[in-house]
Protein backbone atom coordinates (compact mmCIF):
# COMPACT_ATOMS: atom_id res chain seq x y z
CA MET A 1 37.11 6.23 18.91
CA PRO A 2 39.00 9.32 17.62
CA VAL A 3 39.48 9.61 13.89
CA ARG A 4 42.67 11.66 13.97
CA ASP A 5 44.51 8.78 12.28
CA VAL A 6 42.24 9.19 9.26
CA ALA A 7 43.09 12.86 8.84
CA GLN A 8 46.81 12.34 8.83
CA SER A 9 49.27 14.19 6.67
CA GLY A 10 49.57 12.81 3.15
CA SER A 11 45.97 11.53 3.17
CA PRO A 12 43.33 13.09 0.86
CA LEU A 13 41.65 14.14 4.12
CA GLY A 14 44.87 15.57 5.52
CA SER A 15 43.57 19.15 5.33
CA LEU A 16 40.57 18.30 7.50
CA ALA A 17 40.59 18.48 11.27
CA PRO A 18 39.65 15.28 13.15
CA ALA A 19 36.43 16.93 14.37
CA GLU A 20 35.47 17.72 10.77
CA VAL A 21 36.12 14.12 9.69
CA GLU A 22 33.98 12.95 12.62
CA MET A 23 31.11 15.20 11.52
CA ILE A 24 31.34 13.92 7.93
CA LEU A 25 31.25 10.29 9.02
CA ASP A 26 28.33 10.94 11.38
CA ALA A 27 26.42 12.70 8.61
CA ALA A 28 26.65 9.65 6.35
CA SER A 29 23.32 8.12 5.35
CA ARG A 30 24.52 4.65 6.34
CA ALA A 31 25.86 3.11 9.51
CA LEU A 32 29.62 2.59 9.45
CA CYS A 33 31.71 0.08 11.36
CA VAL A 34 35.48 -0.35 10.92
CA ALA A 35 36.94 -3.62 12.21
CA ASP A 36 40.58 -4.64 12.64
CA VAL A 37 42.12 -7.86 11.32
CA GLN A 38 41.11 -9.65 14.55
CA GLY A 39 37.47 -8.79 13.88
CA LYS A 40 37.05 -6.19 16.64
CA CYS A 41 35.37 -2.82 16.14
CA ARG A 42 37.83 0.04 15.81
CA TYR A 43 35.30 2.72 14.97
CA VAL A 44 31.52 3.15 14.59
CA ASN A 45 29.63 6.30 13.65
CA SER A 46 26.57 7.63 15.48
CA HIS A 47 24.23 6.17 12.85
CA PHE A 48 25.55 2.72 13.78
CA SER A 49 24.82 3.38 17.46
CA ARG A 50 21.22 4.42 16.72
CA MET A 51 20.64 1.50 14.36
CA PHE A 52 21.79 -1.17 16.81
CA GLY A 53 20.71 0.53 20.03
CA CYS A 54 24.11 0.72 21.69
CA THR A 55 26.57 3.42 22.65
CA ARG A 56 29.76 3.93 20.70
CA GLU A 57 31.77 3.06 23.81
CA GLU A 58 29.99 -0.30 24.00
CA ALA A 59 30.64 -1.04 20.33
CA VAL A 60 34.32 -0.10 20.08
CA GLY A 61 36.48 -3.05 21.12
CA ALA A 62 33.62 -5.53 20.86
CA PRO A 63 33.70 -8.37 18.30
CA VAL A 64 32.05 -7.20 15.10
CA GLN A 65 30.14 -10.48 14.90
CA ARG A 66 28.09 -9.32 17.89
CA PHE A 67 26.35 -6.96 15.48
CA LEU A 68 27.02 -8.46 12.05
CA ARG A 69 27.10 -12.21 12.72
CA PRO A 70 25.34 -13.21 9.43
CA VAL A 71 27.98 -11.28 7.46
CA THR A 72 31.05 -12.27 9.47
CA GLN A 73 30.16 -15.94 8.93
CA ILE A 74 30.40 -15.42 5.16
CA PRO A 75 33.98 -15.85 3.91
CA HIS A 76 35.41 -12.87 2.03
CA ASN A 77 38.07 -13.06 -0.66
CA TRP A 78 40.21 -10.42 1.08
CA VAL A 79 41.47 -8.96 -2.17
CA TYR A 80 42.47 -5.32 -1.80
CA GLN A 81 39.52 -2.94 -2.28
CA THR A 82 37.05 -5.57 -3.44
CA LEU A 83 33.45 -4.94 -2.44
CA ASP A 84 30.99 -7.57 -1.26
CA VAL A 85 27.28 -6.81 -0.75
CA HIS A 86 25.00 -8.95 1.40
CA GLU A 87 21.32 -8.72 2.31
CA VAL A 88 20.89 -10.28 5.75
CA THR A 89 18.73 -10.11 8.86
CA LEU A 90 20.45 -8.16 11.62
CA THR A 91 19.67 -8.01 15.33
CA ARG A 92 19.53 -4.94 17.54
CA ARG A 93 20.60 -4.86 21.16
CA ASP A 94 16.99 -5.28 22.36
CA GLY A 95 16.60 -8.48 20.30
CA SER A 96 14.46 -7.00 17.53
CA THR A 97 15.53 -7.74 13.98
CA PHE A 98 15.55 -5.82 10.72
CA PRO A 99 16.61 -6.52 7.12
CA GLY A 100 19.91 -4.90 6.27
CA ARG A 101 22.11 -4.41 3.24
CA VAL A 102 25.77 -4.63 4.23
CA GLU A 103 28.64 -3.58 1.98
CA VAL A 104 32.06 -4.90 2.98
CA ARG A 105 35.29 -3.33 1.79
CA GLU A 106 38.80 -4.33 2.73
CA LEU A 107 41.06 -1.64 4.15
CA ALA A 108 44.79 -1.61 3.49
CA SER A 109 47.85 0.46 4.25
CA ASP A 110 51.19 0.08 2.44
CA GLY A 111 49.83 -2.97 0.68
CA ARG A 112 48.91 -4.72 3.93
CA SER A 113 45.38 -5.45 5.07
CA THR A 114 44.34 -3.48 8.15
CA GLY A 115 40.76 -4.71 8.48
CA LEU A 116 37.31 -4.32 7.01
CA ALA A 117 34.86 -1.46 6.67
CA TYR A 118 31.14 -2.30 6.92
CA LEU A 119 28.51 0.06 5.51
CA ILE A 120 25.03 -0.92 6.71
CA ARG A 121 21.63 0.29 5.52
CA ASP A 122 18.27 -0.59 7.08
CA ILE A 123 16.17 -1.72 4.10
CA ALA A 124 12.91 -2.45 5.93
CA ASP A 125 11.08 0.31 4.04
CA GLU A 126 12.49 -0.94 0.73
CA LYS A 127 11.18 -4.44 1.47
CA VAL A 128 7.73 -3.07 2.27
CA THR A 129 7.73 -1.09 -0.98
CA GLU A 130 8.86 -4.11 -3.02
CA GLU A 131 6.15 -6.29 -1.50
CA ALA A 132 3.50 -3.61 -2.12
CA LEU A 133 4.59 -3.31 -5.75
CA ARG A 134 4.39 -7.08 -6.17
CA LYS A 135 0.89 -7.11 -4.73
CA THR A 136 -0.12 -4.16 -6.91
CA GLU A 137 1.10 -5.97 -10.00
CA LYS A 138 -0.87 -9.06 -8.97
CA MET A 139 -3.96 -6.88 -8.57
CA ALA A 140 -3.39 -5.35 -12.01
CA ALA A 141 -2.99 -8.82 -13.52
CA ALA A 142 -6.19 -9.94 -11.80
CA GLY A 143 -7.96 -6.90 -13.24
CA ARG A 144 -6.80 -7.75 -16.75
CA MET A 145 -7.93 -11.33 -16.29
CA ALA A 146 -11.32 -10.20 -14.92
CA ALA A 147 -11.80 -7.95 -17.97
CA ALA A 148 -10.93 -10.79 -20.34
CA ILE A 149 -13.34 -13.16 -18.58
CA ALA A 150 -16.09 -10.53 -18.55
CA HIS A 151 -15.63 -10.05 -22.29
CA GLU A 152 -15.87 -13.79 -22.94
CA ILE A 153 -18.92 -14.13 -20.70
CA ASN A 154 -20.74 -11.24 -22.32
CA ASN A 155 -20.99 -12.88 -25.76
CA PRO A 156 -22.79 -16.12 -24.71
CA LEU A 157 -24.93 -14.12 -22.29
CA GLU A 158 -26.29 -12.04 -25.14
CA ALA A 159 -27.12 -15.23 -27.02
CA VAL A 160 -28.96 -16.67 -23.99
CA ILE A 161 -30.91 -13.41 -23.53
CA ASN A 162 -32.00 -13.55 -27.18
CA LEU A 163 -33.07 -17.17 -26.84
CA MET A 164 -35.11 -16.40 -23.75
CA TYR A 165 -36.77 -13.55 -25.58
CA LEU A 166 -37.79 -15.98 -28.32
CA MET A 167 -39.07 -18.47 -25.72
CA ARG A 168 -41.57 -15.89 -24.50
CA GLY A 169 -43.37 -16.26 -27.83
CA GLU A 170 -43.88 -19.98 -27.25
CA PRO A 171 -46.89 -21.39 -25.39
CA MET A 172 -46.06 -22.31 -21.79
CA SER A 173 -47.74 -22.56 -18.39
CA ARG A 174 -48.01 -19.66 -16.01
CA GLU A 175 -45.54 -21.35 -13.67
CA ALA A 176 -43.03 -21.81 -16.49
CA MET A 177 -43.46 -18.16 -17.47
CA ARG A 178 -42.72 -17.14 -13.86
CA TYR A 179 -39.55 -19.23 -13.82
CA LEU A 180 -38.54 -17.74 -17.15
CA SER A 181 -38.98 -14.22 -15.78
CA MET A 182 -36.85 -15.07 -12.74
CA ALA A 183 -34.12 -16.55 -14.94
CA ASP A 184 -34.28 -13.52 -17.21
CA ALA A 185 -33.79 -11.17 -14.26
CA GLU A 186 -30.79 -13.14 -12.95
CA ILE A 187 -29.15 -13.30 -16.38
CA GLU A 188 -29.62 -9.58 -16.81
CA ARG A 189 -27.97 -9.11 -13.44
CA VAL A 190 -24.95 -11.18 -14.51
CA SER A 191 -24.81 -9.30 -17.80
CA ARG A 192 -24.81 -5.97 -15.99
CA ILE A 193 -21.93 -7.10 -13.76
CA ALA A 194 -19.94 -8.14 -16.85
CA ARG A 195 -20.56 -4.78 -18.54
CA GLN A 196 -19.58 -2.89 -15.39
CA THR A 197 -16.37 -4.88 -15.08
CA LEU A 198 -15.42 -4.05 -18.65
CA ALA A 199 -16.36 -0.38 -18.21
CA PHE A 200 -14.24 -0.16 -15.06
CA TYR A 201 -11.17 -1.70 -16.68
CA ARG A 202 -11.51 0.23 -19.94
CA ASP A 203 -11.60 3.69 -18.42
CA THR A 204 -10.68 6.20 -21.13
CA GLY A 205 -8.49 8.23 -18.80
CA LYS A 206 -10.18 11.46 -19.94
CA PRO A 207 -12.04 13.74 -17.53
CA GLY A 208 -15.73 14.26 -18.09
CA ARG A 209 -19.07 14.66 -16.36
CA VAL A 210 -19.52 11.95 -13.74
CA ASP A 211 -22.81 10.76 -12.28
CA VAL A 212 -21.79 9.88 -8.72
CA ARG A 213 -24.98 7.90 -8.09
CA GLU A 214 -24.36 5.68 -11.10
CA LEU A 215 -20.76 5.02 -10.05
CA LEU A 216 -21.86 4.14 -6.51
CA ASN A 217 -24.57 1.82 -7.80
CA MET A 218 -22.21 0.08 -10.20
CA THR A 219 -19.61 -0.44 -7.48
CA VAL A 220 -21.90 -1.61 -4.71
CA ASP A 221 -23.84 -3.93 -7.05
CA VAL A 222 -20.65 -5.86 -7.77
CA HIS A 223 -20.06 -6.35 -4.04
CA ALA A 224 -23.69 -7.21 -3.35
CA PHE A 225 -23.50 -9.82 -6.12
CA ARG A 226 -20.45 -11.43 -4.47
CA HIS A 227 -21.71 -11.07 -0.88
CA ALA A 228 -25.36 -12.00 -0.65
CA HIS A 229 -25.54 -10.99 3.03
CA LEU A 230 -24.68 -7.36 2.27
CA ARG A 231 -27.61 -4.95 2.59
CA VAL A 232 -27.29 -1.63 0.78
CA HIS A 233 -29.24 1.47 1.86
CA ARG A 234 -29.31 4.31 -0.67
CA ARG A 235 -30.31 7.89 -0.01
CA TYR A 236 -29.68 10.09 -3.03
CA ARG A 237 -30.85 13.66 -2.65
CA THR A 238 -29.28 15.19 -5.75
CA ASP A 239 -28.66 14.20 -9.34
CA ARG A 240 -25.95 16.81 -9.93
CA GLN A 241 -22.84 15.62 -11.70
CA VAL A 242 -19.20 16.47 -11.02
CA GLY A 243 -16.22 16.83 -13.31
CA GLY A 244 -13.53 14.18 -13.04
CA PHE A 245 -12.19 10.77 -13.94
CA ALA A 246 -14.88 8.11 -13.61
CA GLY A 247 -12.43 5.21 -13.32
CA GLU A 248 -10.43 6.86 -10.53
CA LEU A 249 -13.52 7.79 -8.53
CA GLN A 250 -14.94 4.30 -8.91
CA GLN A 251 -11.66 2.94 -7.54
CA VAL A 252 -12.13 5.15 -4.46
CA PHE A 253 -15.65 3.82 -3.88
CA HIS A 254 -14.47 0.27 -4.50
CA ASN A 255 -11.69 0.61 -1.89
CA MET A 256 -14.07 1.86 0.77
CA ILE A 257 -16.79 -0.71 0.17
CA SER A 258 -14.17 -3.49 0.02
CA ASN A 259 -12.82 -2.33 3.37
CA ALA A 260 -16.34 -2.39 4.80
CA VAL A 261 -16.94 -5.95 3.62
CA GLU A 262 -13.57 -7.12 4.93
CA ALA A 263 -14.37 -5.49 8.28
CA GLY A 264 -17.42 -7.73 8.59
CA ALA A 265 -20.08 -5.18 7.64
CA THR A 266 -23.58 -6.48 6.94
CA ASP A 267 -24.99 -3.06 6.03
CA VAL A 268 -23.64 -0.21 3.91
CA TRP A 269 -25.27 3.22 3.75
CA LEU A 270 -24.77 5.46 0.71
CA ARG A 271 -25.81 9.10 0.69
CA VAL A 272 -25.37 11.76 -1.98
CA ASP A 273 -26.47 15.36 -1.48
CA ASP A 274 -25.69 18.94 -2.46
CA ARG A 275 -23.03 20.50 -0.29
CA HIS A 276 -20.90 23.63 0.01
CA GLN A 277 -17.37 23.68 1.32
CA GLY A 278 -15.13 26.70 1.54
CA GLY A 279 -17.62 28.70 -0.47
CA ARG A 280 -17.57 26.15 -3.31
CA PRO A 281 -20.69 24.26 -4.43
CA GLY A 282 -20.31 20.54 -4.85
CA VAL A 283 -21.57 17.08 -4.07
CA GLY A 284 -21.22 15.35 -0.71
CA ILE A 285 -20.84 11.57 -0.65
CA THR A 286 -21.14 9.49 2.50
CA ILE A 287 -20.18 5.81 2.65
CA ALA A 288 -20.87 4.26 6.05
CA ASP A 289 -20.83 0.70 7.36
CA ASN A 290 -21.47 -1.30 10.53
CA GLY A 291 -18.17 -3.19 10.38
CA SER A 292 -15.70 -3.64 13.23
CA GLY A 293 -14.42 -0.07 13.08
CA ILE A 294 -10.80 1.05 13.22
CA ASP A 295 -8.74 0.89 16.39
CA GLU A 296 -7.82 4.26 17.87
CA SER A 297 -4.08 3.54 17.63
CA ALA A 298 -4.37 3.18 13.83
CA ARG A 299 -6.57 6.17 13.02
CA GLY A 300 -3.78 8.68 12.67
CA ARG A 301 -2.06 6.58 9.99
CA LEU A 302 -5.05 5.55 7.88
CA PHE A 303 -4.02 7.57 4.84
CA HIS A 304 -0.29 6.81 5.10
CA PRO A 305 1.24 4.70 2.31
CA PHE A 306 1.88 1.04 3.12
CA PHE A 307 0.00 1.19 6.44
CA THR A 308 -2.50 -1.65 6.74
CA THR A 309 -4.47 -3.35 9.49
CA LYS A 310 -5.02 -6.44 7.31
CA GLY A 311 -1.62 -8.06 7.73
CA ASP A 312 -0.43 -9.92 4.65
CA ALA A 313 -3.85 -9.54 3.04
CA GLY A 314 -3.44 -5.79 2.50
CA THR A 315 -1.01 -3.58 0.60
CA GLY A 316 -1.59 -0.43 2.65
CA LEU A 317 -2.18 1.56 -0.54
CA GLY A 318 -5.98 1.66 -0.87
CA LEU A 319 -6.81 4.66 1.34
CA TRP A 320 -3.57 6.44 0.44
CA VAL A 321 -4.45 6.18 -3.27
CA SER A 322 -8.06 7.16 -2.54
CA ARG A 323 -6.98 10.30 -0.72
CA GLY A 324 -4.68 11.20 -3.62
CA VAL A 325 -7.52 10.78 -6.11
CA ILE A 326 -9.87 13.01 -4.11
CA LEU A 327 -7.19 15.69 -3.71
CA ARG A 328 -6.51 15.60 -7.48
CA HIS A 329 -10.21 16.27 -7.95
CA GLU A 330 -9.77 19.30 -5.61
CA GLY A 331 -12.03 17.68 -3.05
CA SER A 332 -11.63 16.48 0.53
CA ILE A 333 -12.07 13.27 2.47
CA ARG A 334 -12.72 12.73 6.19
CA VAL A 335 -13.32 9.63 8.25
CA ARG A 336 -15.18 8.88 11.48
CA THR A 337 -14.93 5.47 13.08
CA SER A 338 -15.84 3.69 16.29
CA THR A 339 -15.08 0.34 17.89
CA ALA A 340 -17.59 0.79 20.73
CA PRO A 341 -19.70 -2.40 21.11
CA ASP A 342 -22.98 -0.52 20.61
CA ALA A 343 -21.77 1.76 17.80
CA LYS A 344 -19.22 -0.06 15.66
CA GLY A 345 -18.53 1.11 12.16
CA THR A 346 -16.74 3.52 9.86
CA CYS A 347 -18.04 6.50 7.93
CA PHE A 348 -16.23 8.29 5.08
CA HIS A 349 -17.31 11.79 4.04
CA ILE A 350 -16.18 12.93 0.59
CA PHE A 351 -16.67 16.34 -0.98
CA LEU A 352 -16.25 16.83 -4.73
CA PRO A 353 -16.63 20.32 -6.23
CA ARG A 354 -18.94 20.83 -9.20
């Protein structure tokens, strides 16, 4: 529909040509629909057409409720220039739906109502971001709780370890001594997990020398403790350290091993060796698994924020954050993956400069 009526003499837009007004309305960041007092579309901009999958000719003259039914069923107070805002689910022409934020403003001329203007924004990305932030906060709260529990567990564990040390000085059978040694080993294992949990949560935030092997061992031991079926194969060919943030790098390793476990992996391979990249010496880290692999259609978006193959169970932030951490350490990260029946699995290659 032409907009020449908008650019009439005496209007603030009177100095603009109708074509210029049309370009301004089409350049708006939101879809626009103007309806008359009978509820029929008088004007829609091109953003509206793209959003709802219809042509402007199809929209103009059609009942506005065809596109904005959830909003048109909400009574408005029809007071001049009041603004109502609604968050509703809207439907495109093809039947697909999306969450929208609709602002409704009454239009008037000479004190008489001439209809309503609807400004519509697709807020699907906002909803994804809000949900990811909620999940991230839950994860942070769980981390704080885990640290508190680890702290509380550590104190009685030390007492039990001391008591078992004293028991070794008491006379007992060989079988009892064997059981005591087994119990001692298991308690030490629990104690180590508690210390690692506290060390992970209480990262100082200061860069320093990082032993990659130690970080990998700490991370994978936690997962092996929780998942008894997980077999870990280590192949460390260098003891060189790198400069960086231990807590951030451990989060990277945790994300990748967690993904492996959630993909059904029974084996994880860890390799650390000396490597050069772009003329720079550094350390190469390989984390591979025999999980289900990643579907080809998803591989190009693995490191995109909020992309996840886990449905509601994932935030879509793990690999995106991991890539950011590696880049901040001036390193690189690559991934190879396969879903072939005889070669399923995923392999991450990380390079960190020395």
